[in-house]
C-alpha atoms as a PDB file:
ATOM      1  CA  MET A   1      -5.570   2.895  10.444  1.00  0.00           C
ATOM      2  CA  PRO A   2      -5.272   2.233   7.182  1.00  0.00           C
ATOM      3  CA  ARG A   3      -1.838   2.488   5.375  1.00  0.00           C
ATOM      4  CA  PHE A   4      -0.751   5.174   2.784  1.00  0.00           C
ATOM      5  CA  ILE A   5       1.384   4.895  -0.099  1.00  0.00           C
ATOM      6  CA  THR A   6       3.699   7.816  -0.549  1.00  0.00           C
ATOM      7  CA  ASP A   7       5.271   9.346  -3.701  1.00  0.00           C
ATOM      8  CA  ASP A   8       8.406   7.403  -3.105  1.00  0.00           C
ATOM      9  CA  CYS A   9       6.329   4.368  -4.913  1.00  0.00           C
ATOM     10  CA  VAL A  10       8.045   3.157  -7.891  1.00  0.00           C
ATOM     11  CA  ALA A  11       4.696   0.865  -9.140  1.00  0.00           C
ATOM     12  CA  CYS A  12       6.525  -2.364  -8.637  1.00  0.00           C
ATOM     13  CA  GLY A  13       3.334  -4.205  -7.676  1.00  0.00           C
ATOM     14  CA  ALA A  14       4.828  -5.824  -4.553  1.00  0.00           C
ATOM     15  CA  CYS A  15       2.427  -4.681  -2.443  1.00  0.00           C
ATOM     16  CA  GLU A  16      -0.740  -5.306  -4.476  1.00  0.00           C
ATOM     17  CA  ALA A  17       0.245  -9.099  -4.738  1.00  0.00           C
ATOM     18  CA  ALA A  18       0.890  -9.317  -0.710  1.00  0.00           C
ATOM     19  CA  CYS A  19      -2.332  -7.747   0.093  1.00  0.00           C
ATOM     20  CA  PRO A  20      -4.717 -10.397   1.436  1.00  0.00           C
ATOM     21  CA  GLU A  21      -7.615  -8.249   1.209  1.00  0.00           C
ATOM     22  CA  GLU A  22      -6.939  -6.949  -2.329  1.00  0.00           C
ATOM     23  CA  ALA A  23      -7.081  -3.431  -1.163  1.00  0.00           C
ATOM     24  CA  ILE A  24      -4.289  -2.273  -3.251  1.00  0.00           C
ATOM     25  CA  HIS A  25      -4.644  -1.223  -6.879  1.00  0.00           C
ATOM     26  CA  GLU A  26      -2.649   0.248  -9.650  1.00  0.00           C
ATOM     27  CA  GLY A  27      -3.086   4.070  -9.797  1.00  0.00           C
ATOM     28  CA  ASP A  28      -1.389   6.818 -11.922  1.00  0.00           C
ATOM     29  CA  PRO A  29       1.434   7.137 -11.154  1.00  0.00           C
ATOM     30  CA  LYS A  30       1.567   4.965  -7.843  1.00  0.00           C
ATOM     31  CA  TYR A  31      -0.415   2.521  -6.302  1.00  0.00           C
ATOM     32  CA  ILE A  32      -3.456   3.168  -4.221  1.00  0.00           C
ATOM     33  CA  ILE A  33      -4.652   1.621  -0.852  1.00  0.00           C
ATOM     34  CA  ASP A  34      -8.398   1.572  -0.664  1.00  0.00           C
ATOM     35  CA  PRO A  35      -8.936   2.575   3.211  1.00  0.00           C
ATOM     36  CA  GLU A  36     -12.550   0.746   3.050  1.00  0.00           C
ATOM     37  CA  ALA A  37     -10.763  -2.556   2.302  1.00  0.00           C
ATOM     38  CA  CYS A  38      -7.582  -2.363   4.053  1.00  0.00           C
ATOM     39  CA  VAL A  39      -7.517  -4.014   7.616  1.00  0.00           C
ATOM     40  CA  ASP A  40      -4.147  -2.529   8.379  1.00  0.00           C
ATOM     41  CA  CYS A  41      -2.257  -5.843   8.450  1.00  0.00           C
ATOM     42  CA  GLY A  42       1.206  -4.329   7.605  1.00  0.00           C
ATOM     43  CA  GLU A  43       1.816  -6.815   4.768  1.00  0.00           C
ATOM     44  CA  CYS A  44       2.275  -4.325   2.160  1.00  0.00           C
ATOM     45  CA  GLU A  45       4.693  -2.237   4.145  1.00  0.00           C
ATOM     46  CA  GLU A  46       6.740  -5.217   4.750  1.00  0.00           C
ATOM     47  CA  VAL A  47       7.188  -5.877   1.212  1.00  0.00           C
ATOM     48  CA  CYS A  48       7.735  -2.420  -0.194  1.00  0.00           C
ATOM     49  CA  PRO A  49      11.315  -2.230  -1.371  1.00  0.00           C
ATOM     50  CA  ASN A  50      11.166   1.636  -1.106  1.00  0.00           C
ATOM     51  CA  ASP A  51       9.780   1.971   2.381  1.00  0.00           C
ATOM     52  CA  ALA A  52       6.920   3.933   0.314  1.00  0.00           C
ATOM     53  CA  ILE A  53       3.913   2.607   2.430  1.00  0.00           C
ATOM     54  CA  ILE A  54       3.466   4.141   5.817  1.00  0.00           C
ATOM     55  CA  GLN A  55       0.710   4.294   8.470  1.00  0.00           C
ATOM     56  CA  LYS A  56      -1.634   6.970   8.198  1.00  0.00           C
ATOM     57  CA  GLN A  57      -1.748   9.688  10.938  1.00  0.00           C
ATOM     58  CA  ALA A  58      -5.036  10.498  12.559  1.00  0.00           C
END
């Protein structure tokens, strides 16, 4: 299940740099995870300083 970036995102870019699949892109006003490209590795969640990345619920 892909991850999701919540409204707690401050657009610092840490998650985009950490994503090995380049699935995260700058959005307005927060970053966005492409669910088609996300392999759910969790790298983005680990580096987020605001805990703004969570597991999407089914």
